[in-house]
Amino acid sequence: MSSATDTCIQCQGTGAERCRWCIGRGKVPCDACMGSGRGADDAPCTACQGVGVVPCDDCLGNGEGTCSRCHGSGRW
């Protein structure tokens, strides 16, 4: 991590955050049964490919954010 970056606050440096579409489940209600569970299983979430996490919007998945001390200038 360079002096102009800091750990991303949004994802705590992991580079990932819980998928908003499936709320981290990795699955979404199936369109065929409208989520009733009758006749079909939940479908894999297309936003996270069934993993339940997506790249962090704030750090774009690298786990780093702008340094809170120097605001990215590298000097303080």
PDB file of N, CA and C in Angstrom:
ATOM      1  N   MET A   1       0.852  -1.170   0.000  1.00  0.00           N
ATOM      2  CA  MET A   1       0.000   0.000   0.000  1.00  0.00           C
ATOM      3  C   MET A   1       0.901   1.237   0.000  1.00  0.00           C
ATOM      4  N   SER A   2       0.718   2.150  -0.909  1.00  0.00           N
ATOM      5  CA  SER A   2       1.542   3.350  -0.961  1.00  0.00           C
ATOM      6  C   SER A   2       1.072   4.353   0.074  1.00  0.00           C
ATOM      7  N   SER A   3       1.875   5.408   0.278  1.00  0.00           N
ATOM      8  CA  SER A   3       1.536   6.402   1.302  1.00  0.00           C
ATOM      9  C   SER A   3       0.292   7.210   0.945  1.00  0.00           C
ATOM     10  N   ALA A   4      -0.112   7.176  -0.322  1.00  0.00           N
ATOM     11  CA  ALA A   4      -1.288   7.934  -0.739  1.00  0.00           C
ATOM     12  C   ALA A   4      -2.571   7.120  -0.646  1.00  0.00           C
ATOM     13  N   THR A   5      -2.462   5.883  -0.170  1.00  0.00           N
ATOM     14  CA  THR A   5      -3.651   5.039  -0.033  1.00  0.00           C
ATOM     15  C   THR A   5      -3.773   4.543   1.390  1.00  0.00           C
ATOM     16  N   ASP A   6      -4.941   4.062   1.701  1.00  0.00           N
ATOM     17  CA  ASP A   6      -5.257   3.545   3.024  1.00  0.00           C
ATOM     18  C   ASP A   6      -6.201   2.367   2.809  1.00  0.00           C
ATOM     19  N   THR A   7      -6.465   1.603   3.820  1.00  0.00           N
ATOM     20  CA  THR A   7      -7.426   0.507   3.705  1.00  0.00           C
ATOM     21  C   THR A   7      -8.800   1.077   3.371  1.00  0.00           C
ATOM     22  N   CYS A   8      -9.465   0.463   2.414  1.00  0.00           N
ATOM     23  CA  CYS A   8     -10.807   0.910   2.015  1.00  0.00           C
ATOM     24  C   CYS A   8     -11.764   0.782   3.200  1.00  0.00           C
ATOM     25  N   ILE A   9     -12.474   1.845   3.480  1.00  0.00           N
ATOM     26  CA  ILE A   9     -13.419   1.858   4.599  1.00  0.00           C
ATOM     27  C   ILE A   9     -14.638   0.989   4.307  1.00  0.00           C
ATOM     28  N   GLN A  10     -15.119   1.029   3.072  1.00  0.00           N
ATOM     29  CA  GLN A  10     -16.340   0.303   2.702  1.00  0.00           C
ATOM     30  C   GLN A  10     -16.196  -1.212   2.869  1.00  0.00           C
ATOM     31  N   CYS A  11     -15.075  -1.772   2.387  1.00  0.00           N
ATOM     32  CA  CYS A  11     -14.916  -3.234   2.420  1.00  0.00           C
ATOM     33  C   CYS A  11     -13.885  -3.701   3.444  1.00  0.00           C
ATOM     34  N   GLN A  12     -13.348  -2.784   4.258  1.00  0.00           N
ATOM     35  CA  GLN A  12     -12.323  -3.086   5.254  1.00  0.00           C
ATOM     36  C   GLN A  12     -11.104  -3.784   4.643  1.00  0.00           C
ATOM     37  N   GLY A  13     -10.780  -3.434   3.404  1.00  0.00           N
ATOM     38  CA  GLY A  13      -9.588  -3.956   2.744  1.00  0.00           C
ATOM     39  C   GLY A  13      -9.743  -5.298   2.064  1.00  0.00           C
ATOM     40  N   THR A  14     -10.937  -5.873   2.089  1.00  0.00           N
ATOM     41  CA  THR A  14     -11.125  -7.190   1.466  1.00  0.00           C
ATOM     42  C   THR A  14     -11.256  -7.093  -0.043  1.00  0.00           C
ATOM     43  N   GLY A  15     -11.688  -5.936  -0.546  1.00  0.00           N
ATOM     44  CA  GLY A  15     -11.904  -5.765  -1.974  1.00  0.00           C
ATOM     45  C   GLY A  15     -13.270  -6.253  -2.436  1.00  0.00           C
ATOM     46  N   ALA A  16     -14.058  -6.793  -1.507  1.00  0.00           N
ATOM     47  CA  ALA A  16     -15.374  -7.331  -1.869  1.00  0.00           C
ATOM     48  C   ALA A  16     -16.420  -6.866  -0.867  1.00  0.00           C
ATOM     49  N   GLU A  17     -17.644  -6.832  -1.323  1.00  0.00           N
ATOM     50  CA  GLU A  17     -18.763  -6.538  -0.433  1.00  0.00           C
ATOM     51  C   GLU A  17     -19.927  -7.443  -0.783  1.00  0.00           C
ATOM     52  N   ARG A  18     -20.835  -7.594   0.158  1.00  0.00           N
ATOM     53  CA  ARG A  18     -21.986  -8.475  -0.046  1.00  0.00           C
ATOM     54  C   ARG A  18     -22.791  -8.013  -1.251  1.00  0.00           C
ATOM     55  N   CYS A  19     -23.194  -8.944  -2.079  1.00  0.00           N
ATOM     56  CA  CYS A  19     -23.999  -8.651  -3.259  1.00  0.00           C
ATOM     57  C   CYS A  19     -25.348  -8.072  -2.830  1.00  0.00           C
ATOM     58  N   ARG A  20     -25.703  -6.941  -3.405  1.00  0.00           N
ATOM     59  CA  ARG A  20     -26.976  -6.296  -3.062  1.00  0.00           C
ATOM     60  C   ARG A  20     -28.178  -7.005  -3.681  1.00  0.00           C
ATOM     61  N   TRP A  21     -27.958  -7.697  -4.774  1.00  0.00           N
ATOM     62  CA  TRP A  21     -29.078  -8.340  -5.474  1.00  0.00           C
ATOM     63  C   TRP A  21     -29.571  -9.581  -4.750  1.00  0.00           C
ATOM     64  N   CYS A  22     -28.636 -10.374  -4.245  1.00  0.00           N
ATOM     65  CA  CYS A  22     -29.042 -11.623  -3.583  1.00  0.00           C
ATOM     66  C   CYS A  22     -28.824 -11.569  -2.069  1.00  0.00           C
ATOM     67  N   ILE A  23     -28.371 -10.428  -1.568  1.00  0.00           N
ATOM     68  CA  ILE A  23     -28.097 -10.206  -0.148  1.00  0.00           C
ATOM     69  C   ILE A  23     -27.099 -11.245   0.388  1.00  0.00           C
ATOM     70  N   GLY A  24     -26.133 -11.609  -0.445  1.00  0.00           N
ATOM     71  CA  GLY A  24     -25.080 -12.523  -0.034  1.00  0.00           C
ATOM     72  C   GLY A  24     -25.426 -13.996  -0.113  1.00  0.00           C
ATOM     73  N   ARG A  25     -26.635 -14.323  -0.551  1.00  0.00           N
ATOM     74  CA  ARG A  25     -27.057 -15.733  -0.623  1.00  0.00           C
ATOM     75  C   ARG A  25     -26.461 -16.465  -1.822  1.00  0.00           C
ATOM     76  N   GLY A  26     -26.184 -15.722  -2.897  1.00  0.00           N
ATOM     77  CA  GLY A  26     -25.688 -16.358  -4.116  1.00  0.00           C
ATOM     78  C   GLY A  26     -26.797 -16.860  -5.011  1.00  0.00           C
ATOM     79  N   LYS A  27     -28.037 -16.757  -4.528  1.00  0.00           N
ATOM     80  CA  LYS A  27     -29.202 -17.198  -5.308  1.00  0.00           C
ATOM     81  C   LYS A  27     -30.291 -16.137  -5.228  1.00  0.00           C
ATOM     82  N   VAL A  28     -31.099 -16.092  -6.263  1.00  0.00           N
ATOM     83  CA  VAL A  28     -32.252 -15.184  -6.293  1.00  0.00           C
ATOM     84  C   VAL A  28     -33.506 -16.007  -6.555  1.00  0.00           C
ATOM     85  N   PRO A  29     -34.683 -15.498  -6.157  1.00  0.00           N
ATOM     86  CA  PRO A  29     -35.911 -16.246  -6.419  1.00  0.00           C
ATOM     87  C   PRO A  29     -36.066 -16.540  -7.910  1.00  0.00           C
ATOM     88  N   CYS A  30     -36.511 -17.716  -8.203  1.00  0.00           N
ATOM     89  CA  CYS A  30     -36.667 -18.129  -9.593  1.00  0.00           C
ATOM     90  C   CYS A  30     -37.837 -17.398 -10.260  1.00  0.00           C
ATOM     91  N   ASP A  31     -37.617 -17.027 -11.507  1.00  0.00           N
ATOM     92  CA  ASP A  31     -38.657 -16.328 -12.266  1.00  0.00           C
ATOM     93  C   ASP A  31     -39.850 -17.238 -12.585  1.00  0.00           C
ATOM     94  N   ALA A  32     -39.584 -18.531 -12.771  1.00  0.00           N
ATOM     95  CA  ALA A  32     -40.639 -19.462 -13.166  1.00  0.00           C
ATOM     96  C   ALA A  32     -41.700 -19.603 -12.090  1.00  0.00           C
ATOM     97  N   CYS A  33     -41.298 -19.604 -10.809  1.00  0.00           N
ATOM     98  CA  CYS A  33     -42.277 -19.801  -9.743  1.00  0.00           C
ATOM     99  C   CYS A  33     -42.491 -18.523  -8.928  1.00  0.00           C
ATOM    100  N   MET A  34     -41.847 -17.432  -9.359  1.00  0.00           N
ATOM    101  CA  MET A  34     -41.968 -16.129  -8.688  1.00  0.00           C
ATOM    102  C   MET A  34     -41.568 -16.203  -7.214  1.00  0.00           C
ATOM    103  N   GLY A  35     -40.601 -17.079  -6.923  1.00  0.00           N
ATOM    104  CA  GLY A  35     -40.091 -17.173  -5.559  1.00  0.00           C
ATOM    105  C   GLY A  35     -40.928 -17.997  -4.609  1.00  0.00           C
ATOM    106  N   SER A  36     -41.977 -18.641  -5.114  1.00  0.00           N
ATOM    107  CA  SER A  36     -42.848 -19.428  -4.237  1.00  0.00           C
ATOM    108  C   SER A  36     -42.181 -20.727  -3.798  1.00  0.00           C
ATOM    109  N   GLY A  37     -41.177 -21.181  -4.571  1.00  0.00           N
ATOM    110  CA  GLY A  37     -40.508 -22.439  -4.243  1.00  0.00           C
ATOM    111  C   GLY A  37     -41.222 -23.648  -4.787  1.00  0.00           C
ATOM    112  N   ARG A  38     -42.333 -23.449  -5.475  1.00  0.00           N
ATOM    113  CA  ARG A  38     -43.091 -24.576  -6.028  1.00  0.00           C
ATOM    114  C   ARG A  38     -42.703 -24.800  -7.479  1.00  0.00           C
ATOM    115  N   GLY A  39     -42.097 -25.921  -7.742  1.00  0.00           N
ATOM    116  CA  GLY A  39     -41.817 -26.302  -9.117  1.00  0.00           C
ATOM    117  C   GLY A  39     -40.418 -25.981  -9.610  1.00  0.00           C
ATOM    118  N   ALA A  40     -39.677 -25.142  -8.929  1.00  0.00           N
ATOM    119  CA  ALA A  40     -38.324 -24.827  -9.385  1.00  0.00           C
ATOM    120  C   ALA A  40     -37.490 -24.326  -8.209  1.00  0.00           C
ATOM    121  N   ASP A  41     -36.203 -24.477  -8.344  1.00  0.00           N
ATOM    122  CA  ASP A  41     -35.271 -23.996  -7.318  1.00  0.00           C
ATOM    123  C   ASP A  41     -34.924 -22.532  -7.584  1.00  0.00           C
ATOM    124  N   ASP A  42     -34.352 -21.880  -6.566  1.00  0.00           N
ATOM    125  CA  ASP A  42     -33.838 -20.542  -6.770  1.00  0.00           C
ATOM    126  C   ASP A  42     -32.745 -20.597  -7.829  1.00  0.00           C
ATOM    127  N   ALA A  43     -32.609 -19.526  -8.579  1.00  0.00           N
ATOM    128  CA  ALA A  43     -31.614 -19.448  -9.642  1.00  0.00           C
ATOM    129  C   ALA A  43     -30.339 -18.789  -9.116  1.00  0.00           C
ATOM    130  N   PRO A  44     -29.174 -19.170  -9.664  1.00  0.00           N
ATOM    131  CA  PRO A  44     -27.941 -18.496  -9.265  1.00  0.00           C
ATOM    132  C   PRO A  44     -28.031 -16.998  -9.587  1.00  0.00           C
ATOM    133  N   CYS A  45     -27.509 -16.175  -8.709  1.00  0.00           N
ATOM    134  CA  CYS A  45     -27.518 -14.727  -8.908  1.00  0.00           C
ATOM    135  C   CYS A  45     -26.572 -14.376 -10.048  1.00  0.00           C
ATOM    136  N   THR A  46     -27.046 -13.635 -11.024  1.00  0.00           N
ATOM    137  CA  THR A  46     -26.202 -13.259 -12.154  1.00  0.00           C
ATOM    138  C   THR A  46     -25.281 -12.090 -11.816  1.00  0.00           C
ATOM    139  N   ALA A  47     -25.609 -11.309 -10.808  1.00  0.00           N
ATOM    140  CA  ALA A  47     -24.761 -10.174 -10.430  1.00  0.00           C
ATOM    141  C   ALA A  47     -23.450 -10.644  -9.802  1.00  0.00           C
ATOM    142  N   CYS A  48     -23.498 -11.705  -8.991  1.00  0.00           N
ATOM    143  CA  CYS A  48     -22.291 -12.199  -8.301  1.00  0.00           C
ATOM    144  C   CYS A  48     -21.892 -13.597  -8.779  1.00  0.00           C
ATOM    145  N   GLN A  49     -22.558 -14.134  -9.784  1.00  0.00           N
ATOM    146  CA  GLN A  49     -22.310 -15.476 -10.299  1.00  0.00           C
ATOM    147  C   GLN A  49     -22.438 -16.543  -9.226  1.00  0.00           C
ATOM    148  N   GLY A  50     -23.340 -16.300  -8.270  1.00  0.00           N
ATOM    149  CA  GLY A  50     -23.626 -17.288  -7.243  1.00  0.00           C
ATOM    150  C   GLY A  50     -22.652 -17.306  -6.075  1.00  0.00           C
ATOM    151  N   VAL A  51     -21.712 -16.372  -6.036  1.00  0.00           N
ATOM    152  CA  VAL A  51     -20.708 -16.351  -4.977  1.00  0.00           C
ATOM    153  C   VAL A  51     -21.207 -15.615  -3.738  1.00  0.00           C
ATOM    154  N   GLY A  52     -22.065 -14.623  -3.924  1.00  0.00           N
ATOM    155  CA  GLY A  52     -22.604 -13.866  -2.795  1.00  0.00           C
ATOM    156  C   GLY A  52     -21.877 -12.564  -2.517  1.00  0.00           C
ATOM    157  N   VAL A  53     -20.730 -12.338  -3.175  1.00  0.00           N
ATOM    158  CA  VAL A  53     -19.998 -11.078  -3.026  1.00  0.00           C
ATOM    159  C   VAL A  53     -19.664 -10.517  -4.403  1.00  0.00           C
ATOM    160  N   VAL A  54     -19.486  -9.208  -4.459  1.00  0.00           N
ATOM    161  CA  VAL A  54     -19.106  -8.502  -5.684  1.00  0.00           C
ATOM    162  C   VAL A  54     -17.929  -7.589  -5.363  1.00  0.00           C
ATOM    163  N   PRO A  55     -17.178  -7.130  -6.386  1.00  0.00           N
ATOM    164  CA  PRO A  55     -16.103  -6.180  -6.112  1.00  0.00           C
ATOM    165  C   PRO A  55     -16.659  -4.926  -5.444  1.00  0.00           C
ATOM    166  N   CYS A  56     -15.919  -4.402  -4.496  1.00  0.00           N
ATOM    167  CA  CYS A  56     -16.326  -3.200  -3.770  1.00  0.00           C
ATOM    168  C   CYS A  56     -16.431  -2.024  -4.724  1.00  0.00           C
ATOM    169  N   ASP A  57     -17.516  -1.271  -4.636  1.00  0.00           N
ATOM    170  CA  ASP A  57     -17.722  -0.093  -5.484  1.00  0.00           C
ATOM    171  C   ASP A  57     -16.734   1.028  -5.164  1.00  0.00           C
ATOM    172  N   ASP A  58     -16.373   1.168  -3.903  1.00  0.00           N
ATOM    173  CA  ASP A  58     -15.505   2.275  -3.506  1.00  0.00           C
ATOM    174  C   ASP A  58     -14.064   2.096  -3.952  1.00  0.00           C
ATOM    175  N   CYS A  59     -13.511   0.896  -3.804  1.00  0.00           N
ATOM    176  CA  CYS A  59     -12.098   0.679  -4.140  1.00  0.00           C
ATOM    177  C   CYS A  59     -11.923  -0.129  -5.421  1.00  0.00           C
ATOM    178  N   LEU A  60     -13.016  -0.479  -6.080  1.00  0.00           N
ATOM    179  CA  LEU A  60     -13.005  -1.264  -7.313  1.00  0.00           C
ATOM    180  C   LEU A  60     -12.327  -2.619  -7.137  1.00  0.00           C
ATOM    181  N   GLY A  61     -12.403  -3.149  -5.920  1.00  0.00           N
ATOM    182  CA  GLY A  61     -11.913  -4.494  -5.653  1.00  0.00           C
ATOM    183  C   GLY A  61     -10.459  -4.592  -5.241  1.00  0.00           C
ATOM    184  N   ASN A  62      -9.734  -3.477  -5.122  1.00  0.00           N
ATOM    185  CA  ASN A  62      -8.319  -3.610  -4.748  1.00  0.00           C
ATOM    186  C   ASN A  62      -8.064  -3.468  -3.253  1.00  0.00           C
ATOM    187  N   GLY A  63      -9.084  -3.135  -2.470  1.00  0.00           N
ATOM    188  CA  GLY A  63      -8.948  -3.059  -1.020  1.00  0.00           C
ATOM    189  C   GLY A  63      -8.320  -1.779  -0.492  1.00  0.00           C
ATOM    190  N   GLU A  64      -7.971  -0.864  -1.389  1.00  0.00           N
ATOM    191  CA  GLU A  64      -7.345   0.385  -0.980  1.00  0.00           C
ATOM    192  C   GLU A  64      -8.242   1.566  -1.303  1.00  0.00           C
ATOM    193  N   GLY A  65      -8.161   2.578  -0.491  1.00  0.00           N
ATOM    194  CA  GLY A  65      -8.896   3.810  -0.726  1.00  0.00           C
ATOM    195  C   GLY A  65      -7.955   4.987  -0.583  1.00  0.00           C
ATOM    196  N   THR A  66      -8.439   6.165  -0.840  1.00  0.00           N
ATOM    197  CA  THR A  66      -7.627   7.363  -0.685  1.00  0.00           C
ATOM    198  C   THR A  66      -7.256   7.541   0.782  1.00  0.00           C
ATOM    199  N   CYS A  67      -6.006   7.837   1.026  1.00  0.00           N
ATOM    200  CA  CYS A  67      -5.511   8.025   2.382  1.00  0.00           C
ATOM    201  C   CYS A  67      -6.300   9.136   3.089  1.00  0.00           C
ATOM    202  N   SER A  68      -6.769   8.834   4.304  1.00  0.00           N
ATOM    203  CA  SER A  68      -7.559   9.820   5.029  1.00  0.00           C
ATOM    204  C   SER A  68      -6.684  10.940   5.599  1.00  0.00           C
ATOM    205  N   ARG A  69      -5.390  10.702   5.757  1.00  0.00           N
ATOM    206  CA  ARG A  69      -4.489  11.743   6.275  1.00  0.00           C
ATOM    207  C   ARG A  69      -4.093  12.752   5.203  1.00  0.00           C
ATOM    208  N   CYS A  70      -3.631  12.248   4.051  1.00  0.00           N
ATOM    209  CA  CYS A  70      -3.107  13.143   3.015  1.00  0.00           C
ATOM    210  C   CYS A  70      -4.085  13.351   1.866  1.00  0.00           C
ATOM    211  N   HIS A  71      -5.222  12.679   1.923  1.00  0.00           N
ATOM    212  CA  HIS A  71      -6.252  12.768   0.878  1.00  0.00           C
ATOM    213  C   HIS A  71      -5.701  12.433  -0.509  1.00  0.00           C
ATOM    214  N   GLY A  72      -4.770  11.474  -0.552  1.00  0.00           N
ATOM    215  CA  GLY A  72      -4.225  10.973  -1.820  1.00  0.00           C
ATOM    216  C   GLY A  72      -3.040  11.742  -2.362  1.00  0.00           C
ATOM    217  N   SER A  73      -2.600  12.799  -1.661  1.00  0.00           N
ATOM    218  CA  SER A  73      -1.481  13.603  -2.187  1.00  0.00           C
ATOM    219  C   SER A  73      -0.125  12.952  -1.927  1.00  0.00           C
ATOM    220  N   GLY A  74      -0.048  12.046  -0.955  1.00  0.00           N
ATOM    221  CA  GLY A  74       1.220  11.429  -0.605  1.00  0.00           C
ATOM    222  C   GLY A  74       2.021  12.276   0.382  1.00  0.00           C
ATOM    223  N   ARG A  75       1.486  13.443   0.752  1.00  0.00           N
ATOM    224  CA  ARG A  75       2.153  14.352   1.706  1.00  0.00           C
ATOM    225  C   ARG A  75       1.157  14.748   2.788  1.00  0.00           C
ATOM    226  N   TRP A  76       1.675  14.970   4.012  1.00  0.00           N
ATOM    227  CA  TRP A  76       0.821  15.471   5.087  1.00  0.00           C
ATOM    228  C   TRP A  76       1.554  16.261   6.067  1.00  0.00           C
TER     229      TRP A  76
END
